[in-house]
């Protein structure tokens, strides 16, 4: 997060109008001091990739960089702003080898930037992607290195029909284990189901789900309408994700009993930009940009 945004979020323009919530202050701040996208995306663009695609980077784990390649119009959904998707994903290994995985003609990567994480704790980095098919829509897919080749390791359930999409909401140790879980929102424009997955034993296991969420505006390339937050000692990794109508920000935790709603912060408009996070616990501040151009800082 840039210095201008930190200043705006922490200083708070108290003279501007507030929006009432039971335990949270929702204060309008001066949008002129905040980047237009709220959280600038520092990942480099992939010059030989797809339009708008960026490079994901990791410091250890066998895969150093990953990006999407092979632009194609064979799946015309345009959920991210144009009808160009990726036919392949490419990685550069720690040793400098460049490897590519090409999807069959019936599928595309309906995504802009892959994600890198060690999902199973074996020290090797996995590539987390969104794959969409002409017959069954989108699903979560995980790739990794096997005997020096880039291979598909696991695939989650597809939505079941074409032109139905999901957006990854966060990857972190939400359950408090040594390995992370993947959170995503299925059909964020029409259904809004939040799901958590764990990659274990070569499979993607769905742990929990709950309805009433969204983390994307249809036709927008901005996929970061959610954020991992350090909520409390009891819930050190929680997820802040908008409600289905995007006029509230909901903080949830993944527990042994399922998804637990910790907070619901009502807003005077709809979130349509990346969510900024500073601080933790009682000092947590969330910065949100709304569709009308206003910016609000949410604090306890």
C-alpha atoms as a PDB file:
ATOM      1  CA  UNK A   1       0.000   0.000   0.000  1.00  0.00           C
ATOM      2  CA  UNK A   2       1.350   3.415  -0.996  1.00  0.00           C
ATOM      3  CA  UNK A   3       2.193   6.222   1.410  1.00  0.00           C
ATOM      4  CA  UNK A   4      -0.651   8.392   0.124  1.00  0.00           C
ATOM      5  CA  UNK A   5      -3.192   5.704   0.866  1.00  0.00           C
ATOM      6  CA  UNK A   6      -1.784   4.983   4.322  1.00  0.00           C
ATOM      7  CA  UNK A   7      -1.957   8.660   5.185  1.00  0.00           C
ATOM      8  CA  UNK A   8      -5.530   8.947   3.954  1.00  0.00           C
ATOM      9  CA  UNK A   9      -6.684   5.819   5.760  1.00  0.00           C
ATOM     10  CA  UNK A  10      -4.952   6.564   9.037  1.00  0.00           C
ATOM     11  CA  UNK A  11      -5.553  10.300   9.199  1.00  0.00           C
ATOM     12  CA  UNK A  12      -9.265  10.065   8.254  1.00  0.00           C
ATOM     13  CA  UNK A  13     -11.093  13.205   7.180  1.00  0.00           C
ATOM     14  CA  UNK A  14     -13.353  13.463  10.216  1.00  0.00           C
ATOM     15  CA  UNK A  15     -15.144  16.543   8.879  1.00  0.00           C
ATOM     16  CA  UNK A  16     -16.684  14.509   6.081  1.00  0.00           C
ATOM     17  CA  UNK A  17     -19.979  12.672   6.733  1.00  0.00           C
ATOM     18  CA  UNK A  18     -20.007   9.301   8.503  1.00  0.00           C
ATOM     19  CA  UNK A  19     -22.234   6.277   7.935  1.00  0.00           C
ATOM     20  CA  UNK A  20     -23.543   4.653  11.117  1.00  0.00           C
ATOM     21  CA  UNK A  21     -22.689   1.067  12.125  1.00  0.00           C
ATOM     22  CA  UNK A  22     -23.040  -0.498  15.555  1.00  0.00           C
ATOM     23  CA  UNK A  23     -19.342  -1.113  16.249  1.00  0.00           C
ATOM     24  CA  UNK A  24     -17.515   0.351  13.248  1.00  0.00           C
ATOM     25  CA  UNK A  25     -16.841   3.916  12.194  1.00  0.00           C
ATOM     26  CA  UNK A  26     -17.450   4.357   8.464  1.00  0.00           C
ATOM     27  CA  UNK A  27     -15.833   7.672   7.617  1.00  0.00           C
ATOM     28  CA  UNK A  28     -15.716   9.280   4.211  1.00  0.00           C
ATOM     29  CA  UNK A  29     -12.180  10.400   3.356  1.00  0.00           C
ATOM     30  CA  UNK A  30     -10.767  12.676   0.690  1.00  0.00           C
ATOM     31  CA  UNK A  31     -10.575  10.566  -2.466  1.00  0.00           C
ATOM     32  CA  UNK A  32      -7.968  12.935  -3.920  1.00  0.00           C
ATOM     33  CA  UNK A  33      -5.380  11.494  -1.538  1.00  0.00           C
ATOM     34  CA  UNK A  34      -6.096   7.854  -2.422  1.00  0.00           C
ATOM     35  CA  UNK A  35      -5.106   6.010  -5.624  1.00  0.00           C
ATOM     36  CA  UNK A  36      -7.996   5.536  -8.048  1.00  0.00           C
ATOM     37  CA  UNK A  37      -7.767   1.740  -7.686  1.00  0.00           C
ATOM     38  CA  UNK A  38      -7.406   2.095  -3.860  1.00  0.00           C
ATOM     39  CA  UNK A  39      -4.612  -0.520  -3.807  1.00  0.00           C
ATOM     40  CA  UNK A  40      -2.067  -0.095  -6.650  1.00  0.00           C
ATOM     41  CA  UNK A  41      -1.128  -3.397  -8.294  1.00  0.00           C
ATOM     42  CA  UNK A  42       2.670  -3.653  -8.213  1.00  0.00           C
ATOM     43  CA  UNK A  43       2.905  -6.930 -10.132  1.00  0.00           C
ATOM     44  CA  UNK A  44       4.577  -6.409 -13.522  1.00  0.00           C
ATOM     45  CA  UNK A  45       2.610  -6.832 -16.717  1.00  0.00           C
ATOM     46  CA  UNK A  46       3.429  -9.916 -18.772  1.00  0.00           C
ATOM     47  CA  UNK A  47       4.761  -8.468 -22.013  1.00  0.00           C
ATOM     48  CA  UNK A  48       4.316 -11.761 -23.869  1.00  0.00           C
ATOM     49  CA  UNK A  49       1.073 -12.722 -22.140  1.00  0.00           C
ATOM     50  CA  UNK A  50      -2.582 -11.751 -22.446  1.00  0.00           C
ATOM     51  CA  UNK A  51      -3.935  -8.171 -22.408  1.00  0.00           C
ATOM     52  CA  UNK A  52      -3.926  -6.890 -18.829  1.00  0.00           C
ATOM     53  CA  UNK A  53      -2.240 -10.032 -17.537  1.00  0.00           C
ATOM     54  CA  UNK A  54       0.404  -9.716 -14.835  1.00  0.00           C
ATOM     55  CA  UNK A  55       3.209 -11.901 -13.527  1.00  0.00           C
ATOM     56  CA  UNK A  56       2.877 -13.689 -10.194  1.00  0.00           C
ATOM     57  CA  UNK A  57       6.178 -14.106  -8.348  1.00  0.00           C
ATOM     58  CA  UNK A  58       7.481 -16.338  -5.554  1.00  0.00           C
ATOM     59  CA  UNK A  59      10.843 -16.375  -3.786  1.00  0.00           C
ATOM     60  CA  UNK A  60      11.126 -20.129  -3.134  1.00  0.00           C
ATOM     61  CA  UNK A  61       9.495 -23.401  -4.054  1.00  0.00           C
ATOM     62  CA  UNK A  62      10.691 -24.289  -7.536  1.00  0.00           C
ATOM     63  CA  UNK A  63       8.480 -21.858  -9.484  1.00  0.00           C
ATOM     64  CA  UNK A  64       9.707 -18.274  -9.494  1.00  0.00           C
ATOM     65  CA  UNK A  65       7.183 -16.646 -11.864  1.00  0.00           C
ATOM     66  CA  UNK A  66       3.893 -17.522 -13.562  1.00  0.00           C
ATOM     67  CA  UNK A  67       1.731 -15.778 -16.155  1.00  0.00           C
ATOM     68  CA  UNK A  68      -0.932 -16.526 -18.764  1.00  0.00           C
ATOM     69  CA  UNK A  69      -0.122 -16.861 -22.476  1.00  0.00           C
ATOM     70  CA  UNK A  70      -1.715 -17.779 -25.810  1.00  0.00           C
ATOM     71  CA  UNK A  71      -4.476 -15.147 -26.134  1.00  0.00           C
ATOM     72  CA  UNK A  72      -7.635 -16.621 -27.628  1.00  0.00           C
ATOM     73  CA  UNK A  73     -11.245 -15.681 -28.371  1.00  0.00           C
ATOM     74  CA  UNK A  74     -12.540 -19.255 -28.322  1.00  0.00           C
ATOM     75  CA  UNK A  75     -14.597 -18.632 -25.146  1.00  0.00           C
ATOM     76  CA  UNK A  76     -16.551 -15.403 -25.524  1.00  0.00           C
ATOM     77  CA  UNK A  77     -17.757 -14.557 -22.057  1.00  0.00           C
ATOM     78  CA  UNK A  78     -15.949 -11.209 -21.545  1.00  0.00           C
ATOM     79  CA  UNK A  79     -16.488 -11.310 -17.801  1.00  0.00           C
ATOM     80  CA  UNK A  80     -13.165  -9.477 -17.231  1.00  0.00           C
ATOM     81  CA  UNK A  81     -13.762  -6.718 -19.753  1.00  0.00           C
ATOM     82  CA  UNK A  82     -12.903  -8.272 -23.109  1.00  0.00           C
ATOM     83  CA  UNK A  83     -13.402 -11.594 -24.887  1.00  0.00           C
ATOM     84  CA  UNK A  84      -9.698 -12.483 -24.882  1.00  0.00           C
ATOM     85  CA  UNK A  85      -8.770 -15.310 -22.527  1.00  0.00           C
ATOM     86  CA  UNK A  86      -5.635 -17.439 -22.138  1.00  0.00           C
ATOM     87  CA  UNK A  87      -5.041 -20.798 -23.742  1.00  0.00           C
ATOM     88  CA  UNK A  88      -1.962 -21.552 -21.657  1.00  0.00           C
ATOM     89  CA  UNK A  89      -0.092 -20.833 -18.447  1.00  0.00           C
ATOM     90  CA  UNK A  90       3.682 -20.359 -18.404  1.00  0.00           C
ATOM     91  CA  UNK A  91       6.143 -20.562 -15.536  1.00  0.00           C
ATOM     92  CA  UNK A  92       9.805 -19.810 -15.019  1.00  0.00           C
ATOM     93  CA  UNK A  93      11.506 -22.097 -12.514  1.00  0.00           C
ATOM     94  CA  UNK A  94      14.109 -21.168  -9.935  1.00  0.00           C
ATOM     95  CA  UNK A  95      16.689 -22.704 -12.282  1.00  0.00           C
ATOM     96  CA  UNK A  96      15.586 -20.491 -15.184  1.00  0.00           C
ATOM     97  CA  UNK A  97      13.674 -23.099 -17.203  1.00  0.00           C
ATOM     98  CA  UNK A  98      10.528 -21.830 -18.953  1.00  0.00           C
ATOM     99  CA  UNK A  99       7.636 -24.300 -19.101  1.00  0.00           C
ATOM    100  CA  UNK A 100       4.131 -24.006 -20.568  1.00  0.00           C
ATOM    101  CA  UNK A 101       0.893 -25.906 -20.062  1.00  0.00           C
ATOM    102  CA  UNK A 102      -1.597 -25.620 -22.933  1.00  0.00           C
ATOM    103  CA  UNK A 103      -5.284 -26.282 -22.352  1.00  0.00           C
ATOM    104  CA  UNK A 104      -7.417 -28.233 -24.839  1.00  0.00           C
ATOM    105  CA  UNK A 105      -9.482 -26.215 -27.324  1.00  0.00           C
ATOM    106  CA  UNK A 106     -12.588 -26.678 -25.190  1.00  0.00           C
ATOM    107  CA  UNK A 107     -11.102 -24.748 -22.247  1.00  0.00           C
ATOM    108  CA  UNK A 108      -9.470 -21.415 -21.338  1.00  0.00           C
ATOM    109  CA  UNK A 109      -7.947 -19.735 -18.323  1.00  0.00           C
ATOM    110  CA  UNK A 110     -10.666 -17.175 -17.523  1.00  0.00           C
ATOM    111  CA  UNK A 111      -8.371 -15.128 -15.340  1.00  0.00           C
ATOM    112  CA  UNK A 112      -5.746 -12.373 -15.603  1.00  0.00           C
ATOM    113  CA  UNK A 113      -2.952 -13.418 -13.235  1.00  0.00           C
ATOM    114  CA  UNK A 114      -2.200 -16.829 -11.686  1.00  0.00           C
ATOM    115  CA  UNK A 115      -1.496 -17.153  -7.965  1.00  0.00           C
ATOM    116  CA  UNK A 116       1.494 -18.908  -6.391  1.00  0.00           C
ATOM    117  CA  UNK A 117       1.423 -20.717  -3.051  1.00  0.00           C
ATOM    118  CA  UNK A 118       2.621 -23.912  -1.407  1.00  0.00           C
ATOM    119  CA  UNK A 119      -0.797 -25.413  -0.803  1.00  0.00           C
ATOM    120  CA  UNK A 120       0.223 -28.738   0.730  1.00  0.00           C
ATOM    121  CA  UNK A 121       3.309 -27.793   2.712  1.00  0.00           C
ATOM    122  CA  UNK A 122       5.767 -29.944   0.755  1.00  0.00           C
ATOM    123  CA  UNK A 123       8.044 -27.009  -0.050  1.00  0.00           C
ATOM    124  CA  UNK A 124       7.022 -26.899  -3.726  1.00  0.00           C
ATOM    125  CA  UNK A 125       5.033 -23.960  -5.100  1.00  0.00           C
ATOM    126  CA  UNK A 126       1.699 -24.616  -6.816  1.00  0.00           C
ATOM    127  CA  UNK A 127       0.039 -22.431  -9.463  1.00  0.00           C
ATOM    128  CA  UNK A 128      -3.605 -21.648  -8.663  1.00  0.00           C
ATOM    129  CA  UNK A 129      -5.817 -20.770 -11.623  1.00  0.00           C
ATOM    130  CA  UNK A 130      -9.382 -20.436 -12.908  1.00  0.00           C
ATOM    131  CA  UNK A 131     -10.203 -22.759 -15.835  1.00  0.00           C
ATOM    132  CA  UNK A 132     -13.465 -22.415 -17.792  1.00  0.00           C
ATOM    133  CA  UNK A 133     -14.949 -24.913 -20.241  1.00  0.00           C
ATOM    134  CA  UNK A 134     -17.462 -24.500 -23.040  1.00  0.00           C
ATOM    135  CA  UNK A 135     -19.742 -27.109 -21.523  1.00  0.00           C
ATOM    136  CA  UNK A 136     -19.359 -26.699 -17.781  1.00  0.00           C
ATOM    137  CA  UNK A 137     -18.162 -23.194 -16.893  1.00  0.00           C
ATOM    138  CA  UNK A 138     -15.453 -22.291 -14.413  1.00  0.00           C
ATOM    139  CA  UNK A 139     -13.586 -24.281 -11.803  1.00  0.00           C
ATOM    140  CA  UNK A 140     -10.495 -23.988  -9.619  1.00  0.00           C
ATOM    141  CA  UNK A 141      -7.386 -25.741 -11.023  1.00  0.00           C
ATOM    142  CA  UNK A 142      -3.948 -26.317  -9.499  1.00  0.00           C
ATOM    143  CA  UNK A 143      -0.726 -26.878 -11.465  1.00  0.00           C
ATOM    144  CA  UNK A 144       2.783 -27.793 -10.409  1.00  0.00           C
ATOM    145  CA  UNK A 145       6.096 -29.331 -11.419  1.00  0.00           C
ATOM    146  CA  UNK A 146       6.331 -33.090 -11.952  1.00  0.00           C
ATOM    147  CA  UNK A 147       9.627 -34.541 -13.223  1.00  0.00           C
ATOM    148  CA  UNK A 148      10.600 -31.214 -14.746  1.00  0.00           C
ATOM    149  CA  UNK A 149       7.276 -30.616 -16.542  1.00  0.00           C
ATOM    150  CA  UNK A 150       4.367 -28.327 -15.697  1.00  0.00           C
ATOM    151  CA  UNK A 151       1.324 -30.529 -15.058  1.00  0.00           C
ATOM    152  CA  UNK A 152      -2.242 -30.200 -13.795  1.00  0.00           C
ATOM    153  CA  UNK A 153      -2.315 -31.534 -10.222  1.00  0.00           C
ATOM    154  CA  UNK A 154      -5.973 -31.125  -9.288  1.00  0.00           C
ATOM    155  CA  UNK A 155      -9.221 -29.563 -10.398  1.00  0.00           C
ATOM    156  CA  UNK A 156     -12.218 -28.568  -8.326  1.00  0.00           C
ATOM    157  CA  UNK A 157     -15.867 -28.993  -9.314  1.00  0.00           C
ATOM    158  CA  UNK A 158     -17.045 -26.974 -12.305  1.00  0.00           C
ATOM    159  CA  UNK A 159     -20.121 -24.770 -11.960  1.00  0.00           C
ATOM    160  CA  UNK A 160     -21.994 -26.874 -14.519  1.00  0.00           C
ATOM    161  CA  UNK A 161     -22.755 -24.632 -17.490  1.00  0.00           C
ATOM    162  CA  UNK A 162     -20.894 -22.308 -19.853  1.00  0.00           C
ATOM    163  CA  UNK A 163     -20.536 -18.588 -19.067  1.00  0.00           C
ATOM    164  CA  UNK A 164     -20.693 -19.185 -15.323  1.00  0.00           C
ATOM    165  CA  UNK A 165     -17.608 -17.933 -13.503  1.00  0.00           C
ATOM    166  CA  UNK A 166     -15.906 -17.825 -10.130  1.00  0.00           C
ATOM    167  CA  UNK A 167     -13.368 -15.412  -8.645  1.00  0.00           C
ATOM    168  CA  UNK A 168     -10.665 -16.331  -6.146  1.00  0.00           C
ATOM    169  CA  UNK A 169     -11.057 -14.258  -2.969  1.00  0.00           C
ATOM    170  CA  UNK A 170      -7.920 -15.126  -1.006  1.00  0.00           C
ATOM    171  CA  UNK A 171      -5.305 -17.756  -0.201  1.00  0.00           C
ATOM    172  CA  UNK A 172      -4.112 -17.978   3.398  1.00  0.00           C
ATOM    173  CA  UNK A 173      -4.117 -20.141   6.519  1.00  0.00           C
ATOM    174  CA  UNK A 174      -7.739 -19.356   7.339  1.00  0.00           C
ATOM    175  CA  UNK A 175      -8.209 -22.527   9.409  1.00  0.00           C
ATOM    176  CA  UNK A 176      -5.064 -21.932  11.456  1.00  0.00           C
ATOM    177  CA  UNK A 177      -3.244 -24.938  10.013  1.00  0.00           C
ATOM    178  CA  UNK A 178       0.284 -25.033   8.621  1.00  0.00           C
ATOM    179  CA  UNK A 179      -1.031 -24.988   5.033  1.00  0.00           C
ATOM    180  CA  UNK A 180      -3.304 -22.425   3.358  1.00  0.00           C
ATOM    181  CA  UNK A 181      -6.846 -22.721   2.066  1.00  0.00           C
ATOM    182  CA  UNK A 182      -8.237 -21.144  -1.108  1.00  0.00           C
ATOM    183  CA  UNK A 183     -11.347 -18.968  -0.764  1.00  0.00           C
ATOM    184  CA  UNK A 184     -13.449 -18.170  -3.824  1.00  0.00           C
ATOM    185  CA  UNK A 185     -16.851 -16.781  -4.762  1.00  0.00           C
ATOM    186  CA  UNK A 186     -18.877 -18.867  -7.209  1.00  0.00           C
ATOM    187  CA  UNK A 187     -21.019 -16.827  -9.651  1.00  0.00           C
ATOM    188  CA  UNK A 188     -20.312 -13.479  -7.941  1.00  0.00           C
ATOM    189  CA  UNK A 189     -22.725 -11.665 -10.287  1.00  0.00           C
ATOM    190  CA  UNK A 190     -25.796 -13.883  -9.910  1.00  0.00           C
ATOM    191  CA  UNK A 191     -25.405 -16.372  -7.071  1.00  0.00           C
ATOM    192  CA  UNK A 192     -22.663 -15.292  -4.730  1.00  0.00           C
ATOM    193  CA  UNK A 193     -21.585 -18.465  -2.924  1.00  0.00           C
ATOM    194  CA  UNK A 194     -18.404 -18.233  -0.838  1.00  0.00           C
ATOM    195  CA  UNK A 195     -16.438 -21.499  -0.724  1.00  0.00           C
ATOM    196  CA  UNK A 196     -13.209 -22.635   0.944  1.00  0.00           C
ATOM    197  CA  UNK A 197     -10.999 -25.381  -0.526  1.00  0.00           C
ATOM    198  CA  UNK A 198      -7.994 -27.307   0.744  1.00  0.00           C
ATOM    199  CA  UNK A 199      -5.471 -29.055  -1.525  1.00  0.00           C
ATOM    200  CA  UNK A 200      -4.508 -32.353   0.068  1.00  0.00           C
ATOM    201  CA  UNK A 201      -3.529 -35.777  -1.253  1.00  0.00           C
ATOM    202  CA  UNK A 202      -3.631 -34.524  -4.829  1.00  0.00           C
ATOM    203  CA  UNK A 203      -7.257 -33.380  -4.489  1.00  0.00           C
ATOM    204  CA  UNK A 204      -9.141 -30.144  -3.938  1.00  0.00           C
ATOM    205  CA  UNK A 205     -11.488 -30.651  -1.011  1.00  0.00           C
ATOM    206  CA  UNK A 206     -14.371 -28.251  -0.415  1.00  0.00           C
ATOM    207  CA  UNK A 207     -14.451 -27.455   3.300  1.00  0.00           C
ATOM    208  CA  UNK A 208     -17.346 -25.020   3.678  1.00  0.00           C
ATOM    209  CA  UNK A 209     -19.704 -22.770   1.764  1.00  0.00           C
ATOM    210  CA  UNK A 210     -22.165 -19.946   2.436  1.00  0.00           C
ATOM    211  CA  UNK A 211     -24.421 -17.826   0.232  1.00  0.00           C
ATOM    212  CA  UNK A 212     -24.765 -14.064  -0.059  1.00  0.00           C
ATOM    213  CA  UNK A 213     -21.400 -12.787  -1.336  1.00  0.00           C
ATOM    214  CA  UNK A 214     -19.793 -11.079  -4.344  1.00  0.00           C
ATOM    215  CA  UNK A 215     -16.222 -10.041  -5.124  1.00  0.00           C
ATOM    216  CA  UNK A 216     -16.420  -8.813  -8.699  1.00  0.00           C
ATOM    217  CA  UNK A 217     -18.219  -6.330 -10.958  1.00  0.00           C
ATOM    218  CA  UNK A 218     -19.129  -7.938 -14.265  1.00  0.00           C
ATOM    219  CA  UNK A 219     -16.991  -6.620 -17.120  1.00  0.00           C
ATOM    220  CA  UNK A 220     -14.279  -5.241 -14.824  1.00  0.00           C
ATOM    221  CA  UNK A 221     -10.640  -6.409 -14.861  1.00  0.00           C
ATOM    222  CA  UNK A 222     -10.390  -5.721 -11.105  1.00  0.00           C
ATOM    223  CA  UNK A 223     -10.462  -9.062  -9.268  1.00  0.00           C
ATOM    224  CA  UNK A 224      -9.307  -7.835  -5.824  1.00  0.00           C
ATOM    225  CA  UNK A 225     -12.657  -6.978  -4.192  1.00  0.00           C
ATOM    226  CA  UNK A 226     -11.708  -8.995  -1.101  1.00  0.00           C
ATOM    227  CA  UNK A 227      -8.812  -9.065   1.341  1.00  0.00           C
ATOM    228  CA  UNK A 228      -7.228 -11.177   4.070  1.00  0.00           C
ATOM    229  CA  UNK A 229      -7.293  -9.401   7.442  1.00  0.00           C
ATOM    230  CA  UNK A 230      -5.656 -10.028  10.824  1.00  0.00           C
ATOM    231  CA  UNK A 231      -8.872  -9.857  12.773  1.00  0.00           C
ATOM    232  CA  UNK A 232      -8.126 -11.034  16.318  1.00  0.00           C
ATOM    233  CA  UNK A 233      -6.131 -13.477  18.421  1.00  0.00           C
ATOM    234  CA  UNK A 234      -8.913 -16.029  18.020  1.00  0.00           C
ATOM    235  CA  UNK A 235      -9.176 -15.433  14.251  1.00  0.00           C
ATOM    236  CA  UNK A 236      -5.721 -14.318  13.082  1.00  0.00           C
ATOM    237  CA  UNK A 237      -6.613 -14.877   9.408  1.00  0.00           C
ATOM    238  CA  UNK A 238     -10.082 -13.785   8.333  1.00  0.00           C
ATOM    239  CA  UNK A 239     -11.526 -12.721   4.983  1.00  0.00           C
ATOM    240  CA  UNK A 240     -13.184  -9.392   4.196  1.00  0.00           C
ATOM    241  CA  UNK A 241     -15.532  -9.836   1.233  1.00  0.00           C
ATOM    242  CA  UNK A 242     -18.518  -7.789   0.015  1.00  0.00           C
ATOM    243  CA  UNK A 243     -22.108  -8.877   0.350  1.00  0.00           C
ATOM    244  CA  UNK A 244     -23.954 -10.078  -2.739  1.00  0.00           C
ATOM    245  CA  UNK A 245     -25.165  -6.515  -3.456  1.00  0.00           C
ATOM    246  CA  UNK A 246     -21.691  -5.125  -2.555  1.00  0.00           C
ATOM    247  CA  UNK A 247     -23.216  -2.503  -0.247  1.00  0.00           C
ATOM    248  CA  UNK A 248     -21.829  -4.154   2.869  1.00  0.00           C
ATOM    249  CA  UNK A 249     -18.429  -5.558   3.761  1.00  0.00           C
ATOM    250  CA  UNK A 250     -18.571  -8.886   5.585  1.00  0.00           C
ATOM    251  CA  UNK A 251     -15.679 -10.294   7.618  1.00  0.00           C
ATOM    252  CA  UNK A 252     -15.795 -14.078   7.891  1.00  0.00           C
ATOM    253  CA  UNK A 253     -13.693 -16.799   9.501  1.00  0.00           C
ATOM    254  CA  UNK A 254     -13.275 -20.444   8.537  1.00  0.00           C
ATOM    255  CA  UNK A 255     -13.955 -22.617  11.591  1.00  0.00           C
ATOM    256  CA  UNK A 256     -14.361 -26.341  12.229  1.00  0.00           C
ATOM    257  CA  UNK A 257     -18.124 -25.740  12.108  1.00  0.00           C
ATOM    258  CA  UNK A 258     -18.010 -23.897   8.779  1.00  0.00           C
ATOM    259  CA  UNK A 259     -18.013 -20.233   7.779  1.00  0.00           C
ATOM    260  CA  UNK A 260     -18.613 -17.834  10.683  1.00  0.00           C
ATOM    261  CA  UNK A 261     -19.678 -14.231  10.053  1.00  0.00           C
ATOM    262  CA  UNK A 262     -17.690 -11.973  12.385  1.00  0.00           C
ATOM    263  CA  UNK A 263     -18.767  -8.528  11.206  1.00  0.00           C
ATOM    264  CA  UNK A 264     -21.134  -6.979   8.676  1.00  0.00           C
ATOM    265  CA  UNK A 265     -20.336  -3.332   7.942  1.00  0.00           C
ATOM    266  CA  UNK A 266     -23.045  -1.508   6.013  1.00  0.00           C
ATOM    267  CA  UNK A 267     -21.923   1.022   3.398  1.00  0.00           C
ATOM    268  CA  UNK A 268     -23.623   3.937   1.598  1.00  0.00           C
ATOM    269  CA  UNK A 269     -22.842   2.470  -1.832  1.00  0.00           C
ATOM    270  CA  UNK A 270     -21.407  -0.482  -3.706  1.00  0.00           C
ATOM    271  CA  UNK A 271     -17.763  -1.550  -3.480  1.00  0.00           C
ATOM    272  CA  UNK A 272     -16.126  -1.741  -6.904  1.00  0.00           C
ATOM    273  CA  UNK A 273     -12.380  -1.455  -6.178  1.00  0.00           C
ATOM    274  CA  UNK A 274      -9.627  -3.342  -4.403  1.00  0.00           C
ATOM    275  CA  UNK A 275      -9.900  -3.308  -0.598  1.00  0.00           C
ATOM    276  CA  UNK A 276      -7.054  -1.684   1.320  1.00  0.00           C
ATOM    277  CA  UNK A 277      -5.932  -3.102   4.678  1.00  0.00           C
ATOM    278  CA  UNK A 278      -3.775  -1.520   7.386  1.00  0.00           C
ATOM    279  CA  UNK A 279      -3.296  -2.542  10.989  1.00  0.00           C
ATOM    280  CA  UNK A 280      -4.676  -5.557  12.814  1.00  0.00           C
ATOM    281  CA  UNK A 281      -7.062  -6.438  15.616  1.00  0.00           C
ATOM    282  CA  UNK A 282      -8.568  -3.377  17.263  1.00  0.00           C
ATOM    283  CA  UNK A 283      -6.306  -1.227  15.058  1.00  0.00           C
ATOM    284  CA  UNK A 284      -7.624  -2.705  11.822  1.00  0.00           C
ATOM    285  CA  UNK A 285      -8.559  -0.151   9.146  1.00  0.00           C
ATOM    286  CA  UNK A 286     -10.186  -1.105   5.846  1.00  0.00           C
ATOM    287  CA  UNK A 287     -10.303   1.329   2.953  1.00  0.00           C
ATOM    288  CA  UNK A 288     -13.020   0.832   0.333  1.00  0.00           C
ATOM    289  CA  UNK A 289     -13.829   2.641  -2.902  1.00  0.00           C
ATOM    290  CA  UNK A 290     -17.449   2.850  -4.022  1.00  0.00           C
ATOM    291  CA  UNK A 291     -19.015   3.002  -7.465  1.00  0.00           C
ATOM    292  CA  UNK A 292     -19.849   6.712  -7.117  1.00  0.00           C
ATOM    293  CA  UNK A 293     -16.157   7.578  -6.672  1.00  0.00           C
ATOM    294  CA  UNK A 294     -16.299   8.097  -2.909  1.00  0.00           C
ATOM    295  CA  UNK A 295     -13.798   6.458  -0.544  1.00  0.00           C
ATOM    296  CA  UNK A 296     -14.453   5.321   3.025  1.00  0.00           C
ATOM    297  CA  UNK A 297     -12.220   4.219   5.889  1.00  0.00           C
ATOM    298  CA  UNK A 298     -13.708   1.580   8.167  1.00  0.00           C
ATOM    299  CA  UNK A 299     -12.325   1.369  11.694  1.00  0.00           C
ATOM    300  CA  UNK A 300     -13.383   0.049  15.095  1.00  0.00           C
END
